[in-house]
Amino acid sequence: MSGPAYHARTHRPKYLGGTDPTTHAEWHVKVFADDEVVDAADTRVPFVWLVPSSLDGCYVRDLAAMISTVSSSGDVVISVENLGPGDGIGSVTFDPIQIDQGDFHSYDSGSPMQIGSSPQGLLTRGDRLSFSIDSDGTGAKGLLVIVVAA
């Protein structure tokens, strides 16, 4: 057997038990477009994202978020939950992701997010990750959540 499909299947990254040097996968999930106000009352919230087969068997290692326009008053707070393939199975994070007022990203947050060590961090193809806005700040626009899995 040869060709692109076979070649792709034979090269598995380290995070899936293979020998290729990739140590993790990063997925960027756009929740609000850059020109859209981050709004907890938006009917699209919670935003639900389907876990792809490439992350089957991986664990969530890190979650981060960024906005395009900073909040002039109040923090932007995002909760992420693994709903599983059917009914919810629990929160992926111990603490929500927080983007402090005046900041563009969560990396410098005064309340750093912690990943749980419980089975909820395990991803299975077909799981659904739910992104809910707990607090939208004032004037914040454009929300992107980064999911790092290995």
N, C-alpha and C. Protein backbone atom coordinates (compact mmCIF):
# COMPACT_ATOMS: atom_id res chain seq x y z
N MET A 1 0.84 -1.17 0.00
CA MET A 1 0.00 0.00 0.00
C MET A 1 0.89 1.24 0.00
N SER A 2 0.50 2.24 -0.79
CA SER A 2 1.28 3.47 -0.83
C SER A 2 0.35 4.63 -1.13
N GLY A 3 0.92 5.81 -1.20
CA GLY A 3 0.12 6.99 -1.51
C GLY A 3 -0.07 7.87 -0.28
N PRO A 4 -0.67 9.05 -0.49
CA PRO A 4 -0.81 10.02 0.58
C PRO A 4 -1.61 9.52 1.79
N ALA A 5 -2.70 8.79 1.58
CA ALA A 5 -3.52 8.33 2.71
C ALA A 5 -2.72 7.36 3.58
N TYR A 6 -2.01 6.42 2.96
CA TYR A 6 -1.20 5.47 3.72
C TYR A 6 -0.07 6.19 4.44
N HIS A 7 0.58 7.11 3.73
CA HIS A 7 1.70 7.86 4.31
C HIS A 7 1.25 8.61 5.57
N ALA A 8 0.10 9.26 5.50
CA ALA A 8 -0.40 10.02 6.65
C ALA A 8 -0.70 9.10 7.84
N ARG A 9 -1.23 7.92 7.57
CA ARG A 9 -1.57 7.00 8.66
C ARG A 9 -0.33 6.39 9.31
N THR A 10 0.76 6.28 8.56
CA THR A 10 1.95 5.63 9.11
C THR A 10 2.81 6.59 9.92
N HIS A 11 2.57 7.88 9.80
CA HIS A 11 3.32 8.88 10.57
C HIS A 11 2.42 9.44 11.65
N ARG A 12 2.54 8.87 12.85
CA ARG A 12 1.72 9.31 13.98
C ARG A 12 2.59 10.15 14.91
N PRO A 13 2.07 11.29 15.38
CA PRO A 13 2.84 12.12 16.31
C PRO A 13 3.03 11.42 17.65
N LYS A 14 4.02 11.88 18.40
CA LYS A 14 4.32 11.28 19.70
C LYS A 14 3.12 11.31 20.63
N TYR A 15 2.32 12.36 20.56
CA TYR A 15 1.19 12.45 21.49
C TYR A 15 0.13 11.40 21.20
N LEU A 16 0.23 10.71 20.07
CA LEU A 16 -0.68 9.61 19.77
C LEU A 16 0.06 8.27 19.72
N GLY A 17 1.26 8.22 20.30
CA GLY A 17 1.99 6.97 20.38
C GLY A 17 2.91 6.68 19.22
N GLY A 18 3.06 7.59 18.31
CA GLY A 18 3.93 7.39 17.15
C GLY A 18 5.35 7.84 17.42
N THR A 19 6.12 7.98 16.33
CA THR A 19 7.53 8.35 16.47
C THR A 19 7.83 9.74 15.92
N ASP A 20 6.87 10.38 15.25
CA ASP A 20 7.12 11.71 14.72
C ASP A 20 7.30 12.71 15.87
N PRO A 21 8.13 13.73 15.69
CA PRO A 21 8.52 14.60 16.81
C PRO A 21 7.44 15.55 17.34
N THR A 22 6.30 15.63 16.72
CA THR A 22 5.26 16.52 17.22
C THR A 22 4.85 16.08 18.61
N THR A 23 4.85 17.01 19.57
CA THR A 23 4.55 16.66 20.96
C THR A 23 3.14 17.03 21.38
N HIS A 24 2.45 17.86 20.60
CA HIS A 24 1.10 18.29 20.97
C HIS A 24 0.36 18.82 19.75
N ALA A 25 -0.92 18.99 19.92
CA ALA A 25 -1.75 19.59 18.88
C ALA A 25 -2.39 20.84 19.45
N GLU A 26 -2.49 21.87 18.64
CA GLU A 26 -3.11 23.13 19.04
C GLU A 26 -4.26 23.41 18.11
N TRP A 27 -5.43 23.63 18.67
CA TRP A 27 -6.61 23.97 17.88
C TRP A 27 -7.09 25.35 18.29
N HIS A 28 -7.33 26.21 17.31
CA HIS A 28 -7.83 27.56 17.57
C HIS A 28 -9.32 27.58 17.26
N VAL A 29 -10.12 27.87 18.27
CA VAL A 29 -11.58 27.84 18.13
C VAL A 29 -12.08 29.28 18.20
N LYS A 30 -12.58 29.79 17.09
CA LYS A 30 -13.08 31.17 17.02
C LYS A 30 -14.52 31.17 17.51
N VAL A 31 -14.77 31.81 18.64
CA VAL A 31 -16.11 31.85 19.24
C VAL A 31 -16.87 33.08 18.76
N PHE A 32 -16.20 34.23 18.71
CA PHE A 32 -16.79 35.47 18.18
C PHE A 32 -15.83 36.06 17.15
N ALA A 33 -16.35 36.54 16.02
CA ALA A 33 -15.53 37.20 15.00
C ALA A 33 -14.90 38.46 15.59
N ASP A 34 -13.81 38.92 14.97
CA ASP A 34 -13.07 40.07 15.49
C ASP A 34 -13.90 41.33 15.66
N ASP A 35 -14.94 41.48 14.85
CA ASP A 35 -15.76 42.69 14.94
C ASP A 35 -17.04 42.49 15.75
N GLU A 36 -17.20 41.32 16.35
CA GLU A 36 -18.39 41.04 17.16
C GLU A 36 -18.11 41.25 18.65
N VAL A 37 -19.05 41.88 19.32
CA VAL A 37 -18.94 42.09 20.76
C VAL A 37 -19.12 40.76 21.48
N VAL A 38 -18.23 40.47 22.43
CA VAL A 38 -18.34 39.27 23.25
C VAL A 38 -19.53 39.49 24.18
N ASP A 39 -20.54 38.64 24.07
CA ASP A 39 -21.79 38.87 24.78
C ASP A 39 -22.28 37.57 25.40
N ALA A 40 -22.34 37.53 26.73
CA ALA A 40 -22.80 36.35 27.44
C ALA A 40 -24.25 36.02 27.13
N ALA A 41 -25.03 37.02 26.71
CA ALA A 41 -26.45 36.82 26.42
C ALA A 41 -26.69 36.40 24.97
N ASP A 42 -25.63 36.28 24.17
CA ASP A 42 -25.77 35.89 22.76
C ASP A 42 -26.40 34.51 22.67
N THR A 43 -27.33 34.35 21.76
CA THR A 43 -28.04 33.07 21.63
C THR A 43 -27.13 31.94 21.15
N ARG A 44 -25.96 32.26 20.62
CA ARG A 44 -25.01 31.21 20.18
C ARG A 44 -24.18 30.68 21.34
N VAL A 45 -24.31 31.30 22.51
CA VAL A 45 -23.54 30.88 23.68
C VAL A 45 -24.41 29.95 24.51
N PRO A 46 -23.97 28.77 24.94
CA PRO A 46 -22.59 28.35 24.78
C PRO A 46 -22.30 27.90 23.35
N PHE A 47 -21.08 28.17 22.92
CA PHE A 47 -20.59 27.73 21.63
C PHE A 47 -20.07 26.31 21.81
N VAL A 48 -20.49 25.38 20.95
CA VAL A 48 -20.10 23.98 21.10
C VAL A 48 -19.22 23.56 19.93
N TRP A 49 -18.10 22.91 20.24
CA TRP A 49 -17.10 22.50 19.26
C TRP A 49 -16.95 20.98 19.31
N LEU A 50 -16.97 20.33 18.16
CA LEU A 50 -16.83 18.88 18.06
C LEU A 50 -15.36 18.49 18.08
N VAL A 51 -14.98 17.57 18.96
CA VAL A 51 -13.60 17.09 19.05
C VAL A 51 -13.32 16.21 17.83
N PRO A 52 -12.29 16.56 17.03
CA PRO A 52 -11.99 15.79 15.83
C PRO A 52 -11.29 14.47 16.16
N SER A 53 -11.29 13.55 15.20
CA SER A 53 -10.68 12.24 15.41
C SER A 53 -9.18 12.35 15.66
N SER A 54 -8.53 13.41 15.19
CA SER A 54 -7.08 13.56 15.41
C SER A 54 -6.75 13.78 16.88
N LEU A 55 -7.72 14.14 17.72
CA LEU A 55 -7.47 14.34 19.15
C LEU A 55 -8.00 13.19 20.00
N ASP A 56 -8.51 12.13 19.35
CA ASP A 56 -9.03 10.98 20.08
C ASP A 56 -7.94 10.37 20.96
N GLY A 57 -8.20 10.24 22.26
CA GLY A 57 -7.24 9.66 23.18
C GLY A 57 -6.25 10.65 23.78
N CYS A 58 -6.34 11.91 23.39
CA CYS A 58 -5.45 12.93 23.94
C CYS A 58 -6.07 13.55 25.19
N TYR A 59 -5.24 14.21 25.97
CA TYR A 59 -5.69 14.95 27.15
C TYR A 59 -5.53 16.44 26.89
N VAL A 60 -6.46 17.23 27.40
CA VAL A 60 -6.32 18.68 27.34
C VAL A 60 -5.16 19.05 28.25
N ARG A 61 -4.16 19.73 27.70
CA ARG A 61 -2.97 20.12 28.47
C ARG A 61 -2.98 21.60 28.82
N ASP A 62 -3.64 22.41 28.00
CA ASP A 62 -3.67 23.84 28.26
C ASP A 62 -4.85 24.45 27.51
N LEU A 63 -5.39 25.50 28.08
CA LEU A 63 -6.44 26.29 27.44
C LEU A 63 -6.05 27.75 27.63
N ALA A 64 -6.21 28.53 26.59
CA ALA A 64 -5.93 29.96 26.67
C ALA A 64 -6.96 30.67 25.80
N ALA A 65 -7.06 31.99 25.97
CA ALA A 65 -8.01 32.74 25.16
C ALA A 65 -7.44 34.12 24.86
N MET A 66 -7.94 34.71 23.78
CA MET A 66 -7.57 36.08 23.42
C MET A 66 -8.78 36.79 22.85
N ILE A 67 -8.75 38.12 22.94
CA ILE A 67 -9.79 38.95 22.35
C ILE A 67 -9.13 39.96 21.42
N SER A 68 -9.88 40.49 20.46
CA SER A 68 -9.36 41.44 19.49
C SER A 68 -9.38 42.87 20.02
N THR A 69 -10.40 43.18 20.81
CA THR A 69 -10.54 44.50 21.42
C THR A 69 -10.70 44.29 22.92
N VAL A 70 -9.89 44.98 23.72
CA VAL A 70 -9.90 44.75 25.17
C VAL A 70 -11.16 45.28 25.82
N SER A 71 -11.48 44.74 26.97
CA SER A 71 -12.61 45.19 27.78
C SER A 71 -12.19 46.47 28.51
N SER A 72 -13.05 47.48 28.46
CA SER A 72 -12.75 48.73 29.15
C SER A 72 -13.15 48.68 30.62
N SER A 73 -13.99 47.71 30.97
CA SER A 73 -14.44 47.57 32.34
C SER A 73 -14.85 46.12 32.60
N GLY A 74 -14.19 45.48 33.53
CA GLY A 74 -14.52 44.10 33.86
C GLY A 74 -13.71 43.09 33.07
N ASP A 75 -13.57 41.90 33.64
CA ASP A 75 -12.82 40.82 33.00
C ASP A 75 -13.73 40.01 32.08
N VAL A 76 -13.12 39.35 31.10
CA VAL A 76 -13.84 38.39 30.26
C VAL A 76 -13.51 37.02 30.83
N VAL A 77 -14.55 36.24 31.16
CA VAL A 77 -14.36 34.94 31.81
C VAL A 77 -15.08 33.88 30.98
N ILE A 78 -14.35 32.81 30.63
CA ILE A 78 -14.87 31.74 29.77
C ILE A 78 -14.77 30.41 30.52
N SER A 79 -15.85 29.64 30.56
CA SER A 79 -15.84 28.29 31.10
C SER A 79 -15.83 27.30 29.95
N VAL A 80 -15.05 26.24 30.10
CA VAL A 80 -14.99 25.19 29.08
C VAL A 80 -15.41 23.89 29.75
N GLU A 81 -16.33 23.19 29.10
CA GLU A 81 -16.83 21.94 29.65
C GLU A 81 -16.87 20.87 28.57
N ASN A 82 -16.45 19.65 28.93
CA ASN A 82 -16.55 18.52 28.01
C ASN A 82 -17.93 17.90 28.21
N LEU A 83 -18.80 18.04 27.21
CA LEU A 83 -20.15 17.49 27.30
C LEU A 83 -20.19 16.02 26.94
N GLY A 84 -19.06 15.47 26.48
CA GLY A 84 -19.05 14.09 26.02
C GLY A 84 -19.87 13.96 24.75
N PRO A 85 -20.13 12.75 24.30
CA PRO A 85 -20.91 12.57 23.08
C PRO A 85 -22.41 12.76 23.32
N GLY A 86 -22.85 12.69 24.58
CA GLY A 86 -24.27 12.85 24.90
C GLY A 86 -24.45 13.82 26.03
N ASP A 87 -24.90 13.34 27.16
CA ASP A 87 -25.07 14.20 28.33
C ASP A 87 -23.70 14.64 28.85
N GLY A 88 -23.68 15.78 29.53
CA GLY A 88 -22.44 16.34 30.04
C GLY A 88 -21.74 15.43 31.03
N ILE A 89 -20.40 15.43 31.00
CA ILE A 89 -19.63 14.60 31.94
C ILE A 89 -18.83 15.44 32.92
N GLY A 90 -18.86 16.76 32.80
CA GLY A 90 -18.16 17.58 33.78
C GLY A 90 -17.22 18.58 33.16
N SER A 91 -16.70 19.44 33.98
CA SER A 91 -15.86 20.53 33.52
C SER A 91 -14.45 20.07 33.18
N VAL A 92 -13.90 20.58 32.07
CA VAL A 92 -12.53 20.29 31.68
C VAL A 92 -11.56 21.08 32.55
N THR A 93 -11.97 22.24 33.02
CA THR A 93 -11.08 23.08 33.81
C THR A 93 -11.53 23.17 35.25
N PHE A 94 -10.56 23.35 36.14
CA PHE A 94 -10.91 23.62 37.53
C PHE A 94 -11.36 25.07 37.66
N ASP A 95 -10.68 25.96 36.98
CA ASP A 95 -10.98 27.38 37.02
C ASP A 95 -11.28 27.86 35.61
N PRO A 96 -12.18 28.82 35.46
CA PRO A 96 -12.45 29.36 34.12
C PRO A 96 -11.22 30.08 33.56
N ILE A 97 -11.23 30.29 32.26
CA ILE A 97 -10.19 31.09 31.60
C ILE A 97 -10.57 32.55 31.82
N GLN A 98 -9.62 33.35 32.28
CA GLN A 98 -9.92 34.76 32.54
C GLN A 98 -8.98 35.66 31.76
N ILE A 99 -9.56 36.64 31.06
CA ILE A 99 -8.80 37.70 30.41
C ILE A 99 -9.08 38.96 31.22
N ASP A 100 -8.05 39.47 31.87
CA ASP A 100 -8.22 40.63 32.74
C ASP A 100 -8.56 41.88 31.94
N GLN A 101 -9.30 42.77 32.59
CA GLN A 101 -9.65 44.06 31.97
C GLN A 101 -8.39 44.72 31.42
N GLY A 102 -8.45 45.18 30.17
CA GLY A 102 -7.33 45.87 29.54
C GLY A 102 -6.31 44.96 28.89
N ASP A 103 -6.44 43.63 29.05
CA ASP A 103 -5.51 42.67 28.43
C ASP A 103 -6.13 42.04 27.19
N PHE A 104 -5.25 41.60 26.28
CA PHE A 104 -5.70 40.94 25.07
C PHE A 104 -5.78 39.42 25.22
N HIS A 105 -5.11 38.85 26.23
CA HIS A 105 -5.05 37.39 26.35
C HIS A 105 -5.06 36.96 27.81
N SER A 106 -5.20 35.66 28.00
CA SER A 106 -5.32 35.09 29.35
C SER A 106 -3.97 34.69 29.95
N TYR A 107 -2.88 34.77 29.19
CA TYR A 107 -1.60 34.28 29.68
C TYR A 107 -1.12 34.99 30.94
N ASP A 108 -1.45 36.28 31.09
CA ASP A 108 -1.00 37.06 32.25
C ASP A 108 -2.09 37.24 33.29
N SER A 109 -3.11 36.42 33.25
CA SER A 109 -4.27 36.59 34.12
C SER A 109 -3.91 36.57 35.61
N GLY A 110 -4.60 37.41 36.37
CA GLY A 110 -4.44 37.42 37.81
C GLY A 110 -5.04 36.18 38.45
N SER A 111 -5.91 35.48 37.71
CA SER A 111 -6.51 34.22 38.16
C SER A 111 -6.20 33.14 37.14
N PRO A 112 -5.00 32.55 37.21
CA PRO A 112 -4.61 31.57 36.19
C PRO A 112 -5.51 30.33 36.20
N MET A 113 -5.80 29.83 35.03
CA MET A 113 -6.65 28.67 34.84
C MET A 113 -5.83 27.41 35.12
N GLN A 114 -6.46 26.42 35.76
CA GLN A 114 -5.79 25.15 36.07
C GLN A 114 -6.52 24.01 35.35
N ILE A 115 -5.77 23.13 34.70
CA ILE A 115 -6.36 21.96 34.05
C ILE A 115 -6.58 20.89 35.11
N GLY A 116 -7.73 20.27 35.05
CA GLY A 116 -8.03 19.17 35.98
C GLY A 116 -7.27 17.91 35.62
N SER A 117 -6.93 17.12 36.60
CA SER A 117 -6.23 15.86 36.35
C SER A 117 -7.22 14.70 36.27
N SER A 118 -8.50 15.01 36.36
CA SER A 118 -9.53 13.97 36.32
C SER A 118 -9.81 13.54 34.89
N PRO A 119 -10.55 12.45 34.70
CA PRO A 119 -10.80 11.92 33.36
C PRO A 119 -11.48 12.90 32.40
N GLN A 120 -12.09 13.98 32.90
CA GLN A 120 -12.75 14.92 32.01
C GLN A 120 -11.78 15.58 31.04
N GLY A 121 -10.47 15.57 31.37
CA GLY A 121 -9.49 16.14 30.46
C GLY A 121 -9.20 15.25 29.26
N LEU A 122 -9.66 13.99 29.32
CA LEU A 122 -9.47 13.05 28.21
C LEU A 122 -10.45 13.38 27.10
N LEU A 123 -9.94 13.47 25.87
CA LEU A 123 -10.79 13.76 24.72
C LEU A 123 -11.02 12.50 23.90
N THR A 124 -12.23 12.34 23.44
CA THR A 124 -12.61 11.22 22.59
C THR A 124 -13.29 11.78 21.35
N ARG A 125 -12.98 11.22 20.20
CA ARG A 125 -13.62 11.67 18.96
C ARG A 125 -15.13 11.68 19.17
N GLY A 126 -15.76 12.80 18.84
CA GLY A 126 -17.20 12.92 19.00
C GLY A 126 -17.61 13.63 20.27
N ASP A 127 -16.66 13.82 21.22
CA ASP A 127 -16.97 14.65 22.38
C ASP A 127 -17.28 16.06 21.91
N ARG A 128 -18.00 16.78 22.75
CA ARG A 128 -18.33 18.17 22.44
C ARG A 128 -17.81 19.06 23.55
N LEU A 129 -16.97 20.04 23.18
CA LEU A 129 -16.50 21.01 24.14
C LEU A 129 -17.40 22.24 24.06
N SER A 130 -17.88 22.67 25.22
CA SER A 130 -18.77 23.82 25.31
C SER A 130 -18.00 25.01 25.88
N PHE A 131 -18.09 26.15 25.20
CA PHE A 131 -17.44 27.38 25.62
C PHE A 131 -18.53 28.36 26.04
N SER A 132 -18.60 28.67 27.34
CA SER A 132 -19.62 29.58 27.87
C SER A 132 -18.96 30.86 28.35
N ILE A 133 -19.64 31.97 28.16
CA ILE A 133 -19.14 33.26 28.62
C ILE A 133 -19.79 33.54 29.98
N ASP A 134 -18.97 33.52 31.03
CA ASP A 134 -19.48 33.79 32.38
C ASP A 134 -19.55 35.29 32.63
N SER A 135 -18.60 36.03 32.07
CA SER A 135 -18.56 37.48 32.21
C SER A 135 -17.98 38.04 30.91
N ASP A 136 -18.64 39.06 30.36
CA ASP A 136 -18.21 39.55 29.04
C ASP A 136 -17.48 40.89 29.08
N GLY A 137 -17.26 41.45 30.27
CA GLY A 137 -16.57 42.74 30.34
C GLY A 137 -17.39 43.80 29.62
N THR A 138 -16.77 44.89 29.24
CA THR A 138 -17.44 45.97 28.52
C THR A 138 -16.67 46.28 27.25
N GLY A 139 -17.32 46.10 26.11
CA GLY A 139 -16.72 46.46 24.83
C GLY A 139 -15.73 45.46 24.27
N ALA A 140 -15.53 44.32 24.92
CA ALA A 140 -14.60 43.31 24.39
C ALA A 140 -15.16 42.75 23.08
N LYS A 141 -14.28 42.57 22.11
CA LYS A 141 -14.69 42.02 20.81
C LYS A 141 -13.77 40.89 20.41
N GLY A 142 -14.33 39.97 19.61
CA GLY A 142 -13.55 38.90 19.01
C GLY A 142 -12.93 37.95 20.02
N LEU A 143 -13.47 36.75 20.14
CA LEU A 143 -12.94 35.79 21.11
C LEU A 143 -12.43 34.54 20.41
N LEU A 144 -11.18 34.18 20.74
CA LEU A 144 -10.55 32.97 20.23
C LEU A 144 -10.09 32.16 21.43
N VAL A 145 -10.41 30.86 21.45
CA VAL A 145 -9.94 29.96 22.52
C VAL A 145 -8.97 28.97 21.90
N ILE A 146 -7.83 28.78 22.56
CA ILE A 146 -6.80 27.85 22.10
C ILE A 146 -6.86 26.60 22.97
N VAL A 147 -7.04 25.45 22.33
CA VAL A 147 -7.07 24.15 23.01
C VAL A 147 -5.78 23.42 22.66
N VAL A 148 -4.97 23.11 23.67
CA VAL A 148 -3.72 22.36 23.46
C VAL A 148 -3.94 20.97 24.04
N ALA A 149 -3.69 19.95 23.21
CA ALA A 149 -3.89 18.57 23.64
C ALA A 149 -2.66 17.74 23.29
N ALA A 150 -2.42 16.72 24.10
CA ALA A 150 -1.30 15.81 23.85
C ALA A 150 -1.66 14.45 24.40
